[in-house]
Amino acid sequence: MEEQTWNSHVVELEEFMATDAVNEGLGQVLQYQIIWGNDDTENRDKAWESIKSLIRGLPGSPVRRGIKPSLPASVRVVADSTVNTVEEAANAFFNYDPVIQAVVLQHGKAGGGPYANSTDYANYLGKKARAAMTKAFKEGTWDGTTSGLLANTQTSSEEEE
């Protein structure tokens, strides 16, 4: 692995390690992998593969399929956690009563009609929540913290009264 690529991975990883998503034990293992990759340039690919296997799927992880995340790791952790909360609540809501399933319908652009199941409904709301948080962070109206989300909500509801 080239020096610049390795250093870029390390910067992202260290930012992620500073979040609540990484406990002390995992942080120590990841730090050891960084040291190993820094010291042994021949085995950087192996070190990075090891790191990826340890952090893939964790909230806010810089290791994802597809496009590189545009948000800092600390913000991704909050966004991932919030999306998980939204999706869990949406599943429970959708499954609460069959009447809800009959009246909560997809947007016309998505084909209209009922959602196939609670997972589809939850994923839809999760994507909307993530998009709203990403937009707010990029516009500077949200600081990327959970308390910042709650402060924005309280301000909005106070303005409506």
Protein backbone atom coordinates (compact mmCIF):
# COMPACT_ATOMS: atom_id res chain seq x y z
CA MET A 1 0.00 0.00 0.00
CA GLU A 2 1.32 3.42 -0.91
CA GLU A 3 2.37 5.83 1.83
CA GLN A 4 -0.27 8.44 0.98
CA THR A 5 -3.09 5.87 0.98
CA TRP A 6 -1.91 4.40 4.29
CA ASN A 7 -1.65 7.83 5.90
CA SER A 8 -5.15 8.75 4.69
CA HIS A 9 -6.55 5.54 6.20
CA VAL A 10 -4.75 6.21 9.48
CA VAL A 11 -6.12 9.77 9.74
CA GLU A 12 -9.70 8.52 9.21
CA LEU A 13 -9.16 5.63 11.62
CA GLU A 14 -7.74 7.84 14.38
CA GLU A 15 -10.69 10.22 14.01
CA PHE A 16 -13.05 7.24 14.29
CA MET A 17 -11.16 5.85 17.29
CA ALA A 18 -11.82 9.10 19.16
CA THR A 19 -15.59 8.49 19.04
CA ASP A 20 -17.83 6.61 21.46
CA ALA A 21 -18.16 3.77 18.93
CA VAL A 22 -14.71 2.42 19.84
CA ASN A 23 -14.21 1.01 23.32
CA GLU A 24 -10.83 0.98 25.07
CA GLY A 25 -9.96 -2.62 24.18
CA LEU A 26 -10.75 -2.22 20.49
CA GLY A 27 -8.88 1.08 20.48
CA GLN A 28 -5.76 -0.65 21.77
CA VAL A 29 -5.98 -3.35 19.11
CA LEU A 30 -6.47 -0.75 16.38
CA GLN A 31 -3.56 1.31 17.69
CA TYR A 32 -1.34 -1.79 17.53
CA GLN A 33 -2.42 -2.36 13.91
CA ILE A 34 -1.51 1.25 13.06
CA ILE A 35 1.92 0.83 14.66
CA TRP A 36 2.42 -2.42 12.76
CA GLY A 37 1.49 -0.77 9.45
CA ASN A 38 3.70 2.24 10.15
CA ASP A 39 6.70 0.07 11.00
CA ASP A 40 6.25 -2.70 8.42
CA THR A 41 5.51 -1.13 5.03
CA GLU A 42 5.54 -4.57 3.38
CA ASN A 43 2.52 -5.66 5.42
CA ARG A 44 0.37 -2.52 5.34
CA ASP A 45 -2.24 -4.22 3.17
CA LYS A 46 -2.54 -7.01 5.75
CA ALA A 47 -2.75 -4.50 8.60
CA TRP A 48 -5.49 -2.57 6.81
CA GLU A 49 -7.45 -5.75 6.05
CA SER A 50 -7.24 -6.65 9.73
CA ILE A 51 -8.44 -3.17 10.73
CA LYS A 52 -11.34 -3.33 8.26
CA SER A 53 -12.50 -6.67 9.63
CA LEU A 54 -12.52 -5.22 13.15
CA ILE A 55 -14.50 -2.04 12.45
CA ARG A 56 -16.76 -2.88 9.49
CA GLY A 57 -20.36 -2.42 10.54
CA LEU A 58 -19.68 -0.30 13.62
CA PRO A 59 -21.67 2.95 13.79
CA GLY A 60 -19.71 5.69 12.01
CA SER A 61 -17.06 3.32 10.69
CA PRO A 62 -14.94 4.76 7.88
CA VAL A 63 -15.01 1.28 6.31
CA ARG A 64 -18.06 1.10 4.08
CA ARG A 65 -18.91 -0.07 0.61
CA GLY A 66 -19.48 2.58 -2.01
CA ILE A 67 -18.73 6.27 -1.85
CA LYS A 68 -16.38 7.55 0.82
CA PRO A 69 -18.33 9.24 3.64
CA SER A 70 -18.45 13.02 3.48
CA LEU A 71 -19.10 13.50 7.20
CA PRO A 72 -16.49 13.32 9.98
CA ALA A 73 -16.44 10.07 11.99
CA SER A 74 -17.92 11.65 15.11
CA VAL A 75 -20.89 12.92 13.09
CA ARG A 76 -21.30 9.56 11.32
CA VAL A 77 -21.49 7.82 14.71
CA VAL A 78 -24.34 10.12 15.80
CA ALA A 79 -26.07 9.82 12.42
CA ASP A 80 -25.81 6.01 12.36
CA SER A 81 -27.10 5.74 15.91
CA THR A 82 -29.98 8.11 15.15
CA VAL A 83 -30.90 6.23 11.97
CA ASN A 84 -30.91 2.95 13.95
CA THR A 85 -33.27 4.55 16.49
CA VAL A 86 -35.56 5.86 13.74
CA GLU A 87 -35.64 2.48 12.01
CA GLU A 88 -36.38 0.56 15.23
CA ALA A 89 -39.21 2.94 16.11
CA ALA A 90 -40.57 2.84 12.55
CA ASN A 91 -40.66 -0.96 12.61
CA ALA A 92 -42.55 -0.95 15.90
CA PHE A 93 -44.97 1.72 14.67
CA PHE A 94 -45.65 -0.01 11.35
CA ASN A 95 -46.30 -3.35 13.04
CA TYR A 96 -48.41 -1.86 15.85
CA ASP A 97 -51.73 -2.31 14.06
CA PRO A 98 -52.74 -3.54 10.56
CA VAL A 99 -54.68 -0.30 10.09
CA ILE A 100 -51.37 1.59 10.07
CA GLN A 101 -50.09 -0.67 7.30
CA ALA A 102 -53.21 0.11 5.29
CA VAL A 103 -52.97 3.89 5.57
CA VAL A 104 -49.23 4.58 5.60
CA LEU A 105 -48.45 4.50 1.90
CA GLN A 106 -45.40 5.04 -0.25
CA HIS A 107 -44.89 8.33 -2.03
CA GLY A 108 -46.22 8.36 -5.57
CA LYS A 109 -42.69 8.68 -6.96
CA ALA A 110 -41.83 5.41 -5.23
CA GLY A 111 -44.76 3.67 -6.89
CA GLY A 112 -47.43 4.54 -4.34
CA GLY A 113 -49.40 1.87 -2.55
CA PRO A 114 -48.58 0.12 0.69
CA TYR A 115 -45.07 -0.71 1.84
CA ALA A 116 -44.14 -4.37 1.36
CA ASN A 117 -43.20 -4.70 5.02
CA SER A 118 -42.02 -2.80 8.08
CA THR A 119 -38.38 -3.02 6.97
CA ASP A 120 -39.10 -1.13 3.75
CA TYR A 121 -40.95 1.55 5.71
CA ALA A 122 -38.17 1.77 8.31
CA ASN A 123 -35.46 2.00 5.63
CA TYR A 124 -37.37 4.82 3.92
CA LEU A 125 -37.57 6.84 7.15
CA GLY A 126 -33.95 6.02 8.00
CA LYS A 127 -32.78 7.37 4.64
CA LYS A 128 -34.83 10.53 5.13
CA ALA A 129 -33.36 11.03 8.60
CA ARG A 130 -29.79 10.52 7.33
CA ALA A 131 -30.35 12.94 4.44
CA ALA A 132 -31.78 15.57 6.80
CA MET A 133 -28.83 15.25 9.22
CA THR A 134 -26.27 15.35 6.40
CA LYS A 135 -27.89 18.46 4.92
CA ALA A 136 -28.10 20.18 8.31
CA PHE A 137 -24.45 19.44 9.10
CA LYS A 138 -23.22 20.64 5.71
CA GLU A 139 -25.32 23.82 5.99
CA GLY A 140 -23.95 24.46 9.48
CA THR A 141 -27.34 24.30 11.20
CA TRP A 142 -26.38 21.18 13.18
CA ASP A 143 -23.11 20.66 15.06
CA GLY A 144 -23.08 16.87 14.60
CA THR A 145 -23.93 15.96 18.19
CA THR A 146 -26.99 14.29 19.68
CA SER A 147 -27.53 17.28 21.97
CA GLY A 148 -27.35 19.50 18.88
CA LEU A 149 -30.16 17.46 17.29
CA LEU A 150 -32.27 17.85 20.41
CA ALA A 151 -31.55 21.59 20.60
CA ASN A 152 -32.69 22.00 16.97
CA THR A 153 -35.92 20.14 17.76
CA GLN A 154 -36.64 22.24 20.85
CA THR A 155 -36.01 25.45 18.93
CA SER A 156 -38.35 24.36 16.13
CA SER A 157 -41.18 23.42 18.48
CA GLU A 158 -40.83 26.66 20.45
CA GLU A 159 -41.10 28.68 17.23
CA GLU A 160 -44.33 26.87 16.28
CA GLU A 161 -46.08 27.81 19.55
